[in-house]
C-alpha atoms as a PDB file:
ATOM      1  CA  MET A   1     141.055 121.778 217.510  1.00  0.00           C
ATOM      2  CA  SER A   2     143.448 118.802 217.062  1.00  0.00           C
ATOM      3  CA  VAL A   3     146.808 119.904 215.611  1.00  0.00           C
ATOM      4  CA  TYR A   4     148.539 117.677 212.775  1.00  0.00           C
ATOM      5  CA  ARG A   5     152.312 117.174 213.393  1.00  0.00           C
ATOM      6  CA  PRO A   6     155.020 115.380 210.728  1.00  0.00           C
ATOM      7  CA  ASN A   7     155.251 112.669 213.183  1.00  0.00           C
ATOM      8  CA  ASP A   8     151.537 112.118 213.519  1.00  0.00           C
ATOM      9  CA  THR A   9     149.963 108.662 212.127  1.00  0.00           C
ATOM     10  CA  ALA A  10     147.665 110.876 209.530  1.00  0.00           C
ATOM     11  CA  ALA A  11     148.257 111.265 206.162  1.00  0.00           C
ATOM     12  CA  VAL A  12     145.937 114.286 206.249  1.00  0.00           C
ATOM     13  CA  VAL A  13     143.461 115.870 208.449  1.00  0.00           C
ATOM     14  CA  VAL A  14     140.611 118.041 207.308  1.00  0.00           C
ATOM     15  CA  GLN A  15     138.479 120.507 209.502  1.00  0.00           C
ATOM     16  CA  GLY A  16     135.345 122.450 208.763  1.00  0.00           C
ATOM     17  CA  LEU A  17     136.266 122.636 204.996  1.00  0.00           C
ATOM     18  CA  ARG A  18     133.985 125.189 202.786  1.00  0.00           C
ATOM     19  CA  ARG A  19     133.862 125.934 199.218  1.00  0.00           C
ATOM     20  CA  ALA A  20     131.337 128.044 197.237  1.00  0.00           C
ATOM     21  CA  TYR A  21     131.143 129.273 193.833  1.00  0.00           C
ATOM     22  CA  GLY A  22     129.160 132.143 194.044  1.00  0.00           C
ATOM     23  CA  GLU A  23     125.916 131.529 195.863  1.00  0.00           C
ATOM     24  CA  ARG A  24     126.276 127.499 194.930  1.00  0.00           C
ATOM     25  CA  VAL A  25     127.718 125.732 198.224  1.00  0.00           C
ATOM     26  CA  VAL A  26     129.898 122.677 196.857  1.00  0.00           C
ATOM     27  CA  MET A  27     131.437 121.656 200.239  1.00  0.00           C
ATOM     28  CA  ARG A  28     130.048 122.649 203.713  1.00  0.00           C
ATOM     29  CA  ASP A  29     131.666 121.791 207.224  1.00  0.00           C
ATOM     30  CA  LEU A  30     133.401 118.751 205.681  1.00  0.00           C
ATOM     31  CA  ASP A  31     135.578 116.855 208.084  1.00  0.00           C
ATOM     32  CA  LEU A  32     138.100 114.150 207.139  1.00  0.00           C
ATOM     33  CA  ARG A  33     140.994 112.044 208.317  1.00  0.00           C
ATOM     34  CA  ILE A  34     143.122 109.834 206.437  1.00  0.00           C
ATOM     35  CA  ALA A  35     145.526 107.649 208.239  1.00  0.00           C
ATOM     36  CA  ARG A  36     148.958 106.415 206.935  1.00  0.00           C
ATOM     37  CA  GLY A  37     148.638 103.416 204.939  1.00  0.00           C
ATOM     38  CA  GLU A  38     144.777 103.814 205.013  1.00  0.00           C
ATOM     39  CA  PHE A  39     143.130 103.337 201.495  1.00  0.00           C
ATOM     40  CA  VAL A  40     139.700 105.489 201.408  1.00  0.00           C
ATOM     41  CA  ALA A  41     137.230 105.362 198.393  1.00  0.00           C
ATOM     42  CA  LEU A  42     134.964 108.447 198.010  1.00  0.00           C
ATOM     43  CA  LEU A  43     131.474 107.799 196.072  1.00  0.00           C
ATOM     44  CA  GLY A  44     128.771 109.918 195.412  1.00  0.00           C
ATOM     45  CA  GLU A  45     126.562 111.413 192.684  1.00  0.00           C
ATOM     46  CA  SER A  46     128.088 113.873 190.010  1.00  0.00           C
ATOM     47  CA  GLY A  47     128.357 117.512 191.347  1.00  0.00           C
ATOM     48  CA  CYS A  48     128.270 116.277 195.043  1.00  0.00           C
ATOM     49  CA  GLY A  49     132.042 117.982 195.667  1.00  0.00           C
ATOM     50  CA  LYS A  50     134.186 114.882 195.072  1.00  0.00           C
ATOM     51  CA  THR A  51     136.633 116.295 192.701  1.00  0.00           C
ATOM     52  CA  THR A  52     136.236 119.635 194.414  1.00  0.00           C
ATOM     53  CA  LEU A  53     137.532 118.017 197.454  1.00  0.00           C
ATOM     54  CA  LEU A  54     140.194 116.182 195.877  1.00  0.00           C
ATOM     55  CA  ARG A  55     141.547 119.256 194.131  1.00  0.00           C
ATOM     56  CA  ALA A  56     141.244 121.070 197.248  1.00  0.00           C
ATOM     57  CA  LEU A  57     143.502 118.283 199.059  1.00  0.00           C
ATOM     58  CA  ALA A  58     145.917 118.844 195.926  1.00  0.00           C
ATOM     59  CA  GLY A  59     146.537 122.187 196.367  1.00  0.00           C
ATOM     60  CA  LEU A  60     144.747 122.990 193.155  1.00  0.00           C
ATOM     61  CA  ASP A  61     141.906 124.698 194.310  1.00  0.00           C
ATOM     62  CA  GLU A  62     141.285 127.395 197.150  1.00  0.00           C
ATOM     63  CA  ILE A  63     138.844 126.876 200.160  1.00  0.00           C
ATOM     64  CA  ASP A  64     136.748 129.355 201.777  1.00  0.00           C
ATOM     65  CA  ALA A  65     136.832 128.202 204.960  1.00  0.00           C
ATOM     66  CA  GLY A  66     138.204 125.494 207.078  1.00  0.00           C
ATOM     67  CA  ARG A  67     141.787 123.647 207.476  1.00  0.00           C
ATOM     68  CA  ILE A  68     143.670 121.256 205.735  1.00  0.00           C
ATOM     69  CA  ASP A  69     146.774 119.727 207.606  1.00  0.00           C
ATOM     70  CA  GLY A  70     148.929 117.425 205.530  1.00  0.00           C
ATOM     71  CA  PRO A  71     151.984 117.180 203.112  1.00  0.00           C
ATOM     72  CA  GLY A  72     152.515 120.478 201.053  1.00  0.00           C
ATOM     73  CA  GLN A  73     152.908 118.377 197.902  1.00  0.00           C
ATOM     74  CA  PRO A  74     150.701 115.177 197.739  1.00  0.00           C
ATOM     75  CA  ALA A  75     150.828 113.050 194.742  1.00  0.00           C
ATOM     76  CA  MET A  76     147.841 112.791 192.528  1.00  0.00           C
ATOM     77  CA  VAL A  77     146.882 110.526 189.668  1.00  0.00           C
ATOM     78  CA  PHE A  78     144.391 111.526 187.123  1.00  0.00           C
ATOM     79  CA  GLN A  79     141.832 109.685 185.029  1.00  0.00           C
ATOM     80  CA  GLU A  80     144.211 110.731 181.824  1.00  0.00           C
ATOM     81  CA  HIS A  81     148.159 109.668 182.424  1.00  0.00           C
ATOM     82  CA  ARG A  82     149.232 113.176 181.488  1.00  0.00           C
ATOM     83  CA  LEU A  83     152.657 112.027 180.375  1.00  0.00           C
ATOM     84  CA  LEU A  84     154.759 114.604 178.458  1.00  0.00           C
ATOM     85  CA  PRO A  85     155.304 112.983 175.148  1.00  0.00           C
ATOM     86  CA  TRP A  86     158.346 114.715 174.366  1.00  0.00           C
ATOM     87  CA  ASP A  87     160.191 113.205 177.399  1.00  0.00           C
ATOM     88  CA  THR A  88     161.217 109.465 177.963  1.00  0.00           C
ATOM     89  CA  LEU A  89     159.519 107.519 180.538  1.00  0.00           C
ATOM     90  CA  TRP A  90     162.280 107.760 183.148  1.00  0.00           C
ATOM     91  CA  ARG A  91     162.198 111.407 182.565  1.00  0.00           C
ATOM     92  CA  ASN A  92     158.531 111.653 183.122  1.00  0.00           C
ATOM     93  CA  VAL A  93     158.555 109.773 186.302  1.00  0.00           C
ATOM     94  CA  ALA A  94     161.610 111.899 187.528  1.00  0.00           C
ATOM     95  CA  LEU A  95     159.949 114.830 186.837  1.00  0.00           C
ATOM     96  CA  GLY A  96     161.345 117.728 188.951  1.00  0.00           C
ATOM     97  CA  LEU A  97     164.230 115.641 190.311  1.00  0.00           C
ATOM     98  CA  ASP A  98     167.777 116.486 189.342  1.00  0.00           C
ATOM     99  CA  ASN A  99     169.157 113.749 186.618  1.00  0.00           C
ATOM    100  CA  LYS A 100     171.968 112.472 188.995  1.00  0.00           C
ATOM    101  CA  THR A 101     169.206 111.167 191.622  1.00  0.00           C
ATOM    102  CA  GLY A 102     166.150 110.885 189.307  1.00  0.00           C
ATOM    103  CA  ARG A 103     167.360 108.188 187.030  1.00  0.00           C
ATOM    104  CA  PRO A 104     167.929 105.566 189.589  1.00  0.00           C
ATOM    105  CA  LEU A 105     165.007 106.517 191.347  1.00  0.00           C
ATOM    106  CA  ALA A 106     162.976 106.309 188.265  1.00  0.00           C
ATOM    107  CA  GLN A 107     164.443 102.759 187.154  1.00  0.00           C
ATOM    108  CA  ALA A 108     163.629 101.673 190.355  1.00  0.00           C
ATOM    109  CA  ALA A 109     160.036 103.082 190.363  1.00  0.00           C
ATOM    110  CA  LEU A 110     159.442 101.627 186.804  1.00  0.00           C
ATOM    111  CA  ARG A 111     160.440  98.240 187.998  1.00  0.00           C
ATOM    112  CA  GLU A 112     157.979  98.348 190.612  1.00  0.00           C
ATOM    113  CA  VAL A 113     155.223  99.025 188.303  1.00  0.00           C
ATOM    114  CA  GLY A 114     156.461  96.118 185.928  1.00  0.00           C
ATOM    115  CA  LEU A 115     158.187  98.303 183.159  1.00  0.00           C
ATOM    116  CA  ALA A 116     161.617  97.440 184.173  1.00  0.00           C
ATOM    117  CA  GLY A 117     164.143  98.257 180.921  1.00  0.00           C
ATOM    118  CA  ARG A 118     161.666 100.658 179.587  1.00  0.00           C
ATOM    119  CA  GLU A 119     163.099 103.821 180.908  1.00  0.00           C
ATOM    120  CA  ASP A 120     164.220 105.106 177.645  1.00  0.00           C
ATOM    121  CA  ASP A 121     161.133 104.379 175.796  1.00  0.00           C
ATOM    122  CA  TRP A 122     158.577 106.719 175.079  1.00  0.00           C
ATOM    123  CA  PRO A 123     155.051 107.361 176.177  1.00  0.00           C
ATOM    124  CA  ARG A 124     153.672 106.917 172.387  1.00  0.00           C
ATOM    125  CA  ASN A 125     154.600 103.055 172.756  1.00  0.00           C
ATOM    126  CA  LEU A 126     152.644 102.492 175.671  1.00  0.00           C
ATOM    127  CA  SER A 127     148.947 101.006 176.094  1.00  0.00           C
ATOM    128  CA  GLY A 128     146.592 102.912 178.209  1.00  0.00           C
ATOM    129  CA  GLY A 129     147.401 100.522 181.026  1.00  0.00           C
ATOM    130  CA  GLN A 130     151.203 100.777 180.912  1.00  0.00           C
ATOM    131  CA  ALA A 131     150.808 104.773 180.822  1.00  0.00           C
ATOM    132  CA  GLN A 132     148.808 104.822 183.922  1.00  0.00           C
ATOM    133  CA  ARG A 133     151.703 102.450 185.279  1.00  0.00           C
ATOM    134  CA  VAL A 134     153.947 105.187 184.518  1.00  0.00           C
ATOM    135  CA  ALA A 135     151.763 107.779 186.038  1.00  0.00           C
ATOM    136  CA  LEU A 136     151.473 105.784 189.422  1.00  0.00           C
ATOM    137  CA  ALA A 137     155.676 105.532 189.088  1.00  0.00           C
ATOM    138  CA  ARG A 138     155.653 108.975 188.996  1.00  0.00           C
ATOM    139  CA  ALA A 139     153.436 109.638 192.001  1.00  0.00           C
ATOM    140  CA  LEU A 140     155.361 107.079 194.193  1.00  0.00           C
ATOM    141  CA  VAL A 141     158.774 107.954 193.157  1.00  0.00           C
ATOM    142  CA  ARG A 142     158.887 110.723 196.030  1.00  0.00           C
ATOM    143  CA  GLU A 143     157.455 108.425 198.705  1.00  0.00           C
ATOM    144  CA  PRO A 144     154.472 110.555 199.319  1.00  0.00           C
ATOM    145  CA  ARG A 145     152.537 110.744 202.357  1.00  0.00           C
ATOM    146  CA  LEU A 146     149.179 111.096 200.876  1.00  0.00           C
ATOM    147  CA  LEU A 147     148.355 109.844 197.248  1.00  0.00           C
ATOM    148  CA  LEU A 148     145.085 111.231 195.627  1.00  0.00           C
ATOM    149  CA  LEU A 149     143.699 109.115 192.832  1.00  0.00           C
ATOM    150  CA  ASP A 150     140.973 110.794 190.726  1.00  0.00           C
ATOM    151  CA  GLU A 151     139.204 107.810 188.503  1.00  0.00           C
ATOM    152  CA  PRO A 152     142.828 106.655 187.453  1.00  0.00           C
ATOM    153  CA  PHE A 153     141.381 103.444 185.905  1.00  0.00           C
ATOM    154  CA  ALA A 154     138.128 104.639 184.219  1.00  0.00           C
ATOM    155  CA  ALA A 155     139.269 104.740 180.746  1.00  0.00           C
ATOM    156  CA  LEU A 156     140.759 101.145 180.879  1.00  0.00           C
ATOM    157  CA  ASP A 157     139.144  98.065 179.737  1.00  0.00           C
ATOM    158  CA  ALA A 158     137.754  95.551 182.292  1.00  0.00           C
ATOM    159  CA  LEU A 159     140.567  93.107 182.265  1.00  0.00           C
ATOM    160  CA  THR A 160     143.058  95.807 182.766  1.00  0.00           C
ATOM    161  CA  ARG A 161     141.489  97.496 185.427  1.00  0.00           C
ATOM    162  CA  ILE A 162     141.551  94.414 187.661  1.00  0.00           C
ATOM    163  CA  ARG A 163     145.296  94.113 186.879  1.00  0.00           C
ATOM    164  CA  MET A 164     145.990  97.725 188.040  1.00  0.00           C
ATOM    165  CA  HIS A 165     143.881  97.140 191.274  1.00  0.00           C
ATOM    166  CA  GLY A 166     146.094  94.452 191.955  1.00  0.00           C
ATOM    167  CA  LEU A 167     149.152  96.561 191.425  1.00  0.00           C
ATOM    168  CA  VAL A 168     147.843  99.601 193.232  1.00  0.00           C
ATOM    169  CA  LYS A 169     146.855  97.531 196.423  1.00  0.00           C
ATOM    170  CA  GLU A 170     150.538  96.129 196.315  1.00  0.00           C
ATOM    171  CA  LEU A 171     152.026  99.724 195.886  1.00  0.00           C
ATOM    172  CA  VAL A 172     150.267 101.183 198.646  1.00  0.00           C
ATOM    173  CA  ALA A 173     150.708  98.116 200.917  1.00  0.00           C
ATOM    174  CA  ARG A 174     154.477  98.568 200.222  1.00  0.00           C
ATOM    175  CA  HIS A 175     154.798 102.502 200.640  1.00  0.00           C
ATOM    176  CA  GLN A 176     152.117 103.013 203.100  1.00  0.00           C
ATOM    177  CA  PRO A 177     150.701 106.410 201.793  1.00  0.00           C
ATOM    178  CA  GLY A 178     147.091 107.602 202.821  1.00  0.00           C
ATOM    179  CA  VAL A 179     145.174 107.174 199.789  1.00  0.00           C
ATOM    180  CA  LEU A 180     141.991 108.929 198.698  1.00  0.00           C
ATOM    181  CA  LEU A 181     140.212 107.321 195.520  1.00  0.00           C
ATOM    182  CA  VAL A 182     137.310 109.238 193.838  1.00  0.00           C
ATOM    183  CA  THR A 183     135.458 106.623 191.727  1.00  0.00           C
ATOM    184  CA  HIS A 184     131.922 105.997 190.473  1.00  0.00           C
ATOM    185  CA  ASP A 185     132.295 102.305 190.470  1.00  0.00           C
ATOM    186  CA  VAL A 186     130.942 100.643 193.633  1.00  0.00           C
ATOM    187  CA  ASP A 187     132.920  97.214 193.053  1.00  0.00           C
ATOM    188  CA  GLU A 188     135.959  99.245 192.546  1.00  0.00           C
ATOM    189  CA  ALA A 189     135.604 100.923 195.847  1.00  0.00           C
ATOM    190  CA  ILE A 190     135.012  97.555 197.712  1.00  0.00           C
ATOM    191  CA  ALA A 191     137.880  95.956 196.044  1.00  0.00           C
ATOM    192  CA  LEU A 192     140.553  98.656 196.915  1.00  0.00           C
ATOM    193  CA  ALA A 193     139.482 100.329 199.858  1.00  0.00           C
ATOM    194  CA  SER A 194     139.512  99.824 203.667  1.00  0.00           C
ATOM    195  CA  ARG A 195     136.963 102.283 204.231  1.00  0.00           C
ATOM    196  CA  ILE A 196     134.227 103.924 201.872  1.00  0.00           C
ATOM    197  CA  LEU A 197     132.859 107.319 202.224  1.00  0.00           C
ATOM    198  CA  VAL A 198     129.630 108.526 200.584  1.00  0.00           C
ATOM    199  CA  MET A 199     129.405 112.281 199.695  1.00  0.00           C
ATOM    200  CA  ARG A 200     126.176 114.014 199.553  1.00  0.00           C
ATOM    201  CA  GLY A 201     125.302 117.935 199.526  1.00  0.00           C
ATOM    202  CA  GLY A 202     128.947 118.738 199.833  1.00  0.00           C
ATOM    203  CA  ALA A 203     129.408 116.650 203.278  1.00  0.00           C
ATOM    204  CA  ILE A 204     130.563 113.098 204.283  1.00  0.00           C
ATOM    205  CA  ALA A 205     127.188 111.678 204.640  1.00  0.00           C
ATOM    206  CA  SER A 206     128.135 108.341 205.474  1.00  0.00           C
ATOM    207  CA  SER A 207     131.173 105.786 206.069  1.00  0.00           C
ATOM    208  CA  TYR A 208     131.517 102.165 205.850  1.00  0.00           C
ATOM    209  CA  ALA A 209     134.406  99.876 206.852  1.00  0.00           C
ATOM    210  CA  VAL A 210     135.094  97.246 204.116  1.00  0.00           C
ATOM    211  CA  PRO A 211     135.444  93.620 205.516  1.00  0.00           C
ATOM    212  CA  ALA A 212     138.497  91.915 204.630  1.00  0.00           C
ATOM    213  CA  ARG A 213     136.756  88.952 202.950  1.00  0.00           C
ATOM    214  CA  ALA A 214     134.692  91.793 200.734  1.00  0.00           C
ATOM    215  CA  ASN A 215     137.933  93.487 199.873  1.00  0.00           C
ATOM    216  CA  SER A 216     139.504  90.356 198.431  1.00  0.00           C
ATOM    217  CA  HIS A 217     136.758  87.975 197.355  1.00  0.00           C
ATOM    218  CA  ARG A 218     134.643  90.043 194.840  1.00  0.00           C
ATOM    219  CA  ALA A 219     131.884  87.399 194.797  1.00  0.00           C
ATOM    220  CA  SER A 220     131.585  86.930 198.573  1.00  0.00           C
ATOM    221  CA  PRO A 221     128.600  87.258 200.399  1.00  0.00           C
ATOM    222  CA  GLU A 222     130.221  90.158 202.475  1.00  0.00           C
ATOM    223  CA  ALA A 223     130.968  92.027 199.027  1.00  0.00           C
ATOM    224  CA  ALA A 224     127.452  91.508 197.959  1.00  0.00           C
ATOM    225  CA  ALA A 225     125.788  92.858 201.091  1.00  0.00           C
ATOM    226  CA  LEU A 226     127.978  95.903 201.046  1.00  0.00           C
ATOM    227  CA  ARG A 227     127.411  96.458 197.233  1.00  0.00           C
ATOM    228  CA  GLU A 228     123.583  96.440 197.978  1.00  0.00           C
ATOM    229  CA  THR A 229     123.922  98.972 200.899  1.00  0.00           C
ATOM    230  CA  LEU A 230     126.148 101.327 198.882  1.00  0.00           C
ATOM    231  CA  LEU A 231     123.992 101.281 195.592  1.00  0.00           C
ATOM    232  CA  ALA A 232     120.815 101.957 197.927  1.00  0.00           C
ATOM    233  CA  GLU A 233     122.697 105.132 199.796  1.00  0.00           C
ATOM    234  CA  LEU A 234     123.521 106.195 196.186  1.00  0.00           C
ATOM    235  CA  GLY A 235     119.987 105.952 195.016  1.00  0.00           C
ATOM    236  CA  VAL A 236     120.351 103.019 192.818  1.00  0.00           C
ATOM    237  CA  GLN A 237     117.893 100.326 193.239  1.00  0.00           C
ATOM    238  CA  PRO A 238     117.013  96.914 191.550  1.00  0.00           C
ATOM    239  CA  GLY A 239     114.346  97.309 188.615  1.00  0.00           C
ATOM    240  CA  VAL A 240     112.853  94.729 186.184  1.00  0.00           C
ATOM    241  CA  ASN A 241     114.916  91.711 185.759  1.00  0.00           C
ATOM    242  CA  GLY A 242     117.540  92.781 188.201  1.00  0.00           C
ATOM    243  CA  GLU A 243     118.588  95.596 186.339  1.00  0.00           C
ATOM    244  CA  ARG A 244     119.506  99.012 188.235  1.00  0.00           C
ATOM    245  CA  THR A 245     117.536 102.293 188.122  1.00  0.00           C
ATOM    246  CA  ALA A 246     118.382 105.383 189.744  1.00  0.00           C
ATOM    247  CA  VAL A 247     115.647 106.767 192.320  1.00  0.00           C
END
């Protein structure tokens, strides 16, 4: 069995993970390794165990067997921004930090996500995309080794999502955390990740490296080919007039 060490290049190492709710097994013998700076996307049908895995990695859910070797406090961004409405933006970002160091760190983090000068503003004055930018700043302000993203762009409009994709890629390249993104959006996975995992029956069923051209050019032949492969694996096949149907 490999042993995780703080100076290792891994952000997290998972071995033999198992989780059950009564007789229903949600994860079984799951192995996973995410390197520092690696962006991994996780696809799968609803109920296959994606969120359970994410919550286990975040320390929000217990496991029945196996081992997770990684940072004690990974950062996590949810679908909802979960900002505290009674606190200013900088206090939301610096949550848990002391005021002396927290404010300058929060100001720097807000500047990184394009909200410089808004540190004394309030969550109620933000758009959905701006609120998620603050949530990202809060996640990255402590320079996490592991960043967990639970469909953080699902509630945003299409244009805002594309802009957020670009921002997240820039921030990950700069801060170099290992990233695990749970999403139902195949195109989002291709645009963001360097590796895409498909989860089925509580285990990682397959893994795909994302070609650099597919990652940077959404309309490239490489992206189209990978999209077709992933949709087929997820049980979605071309139907009448090119529409997709589940099988």
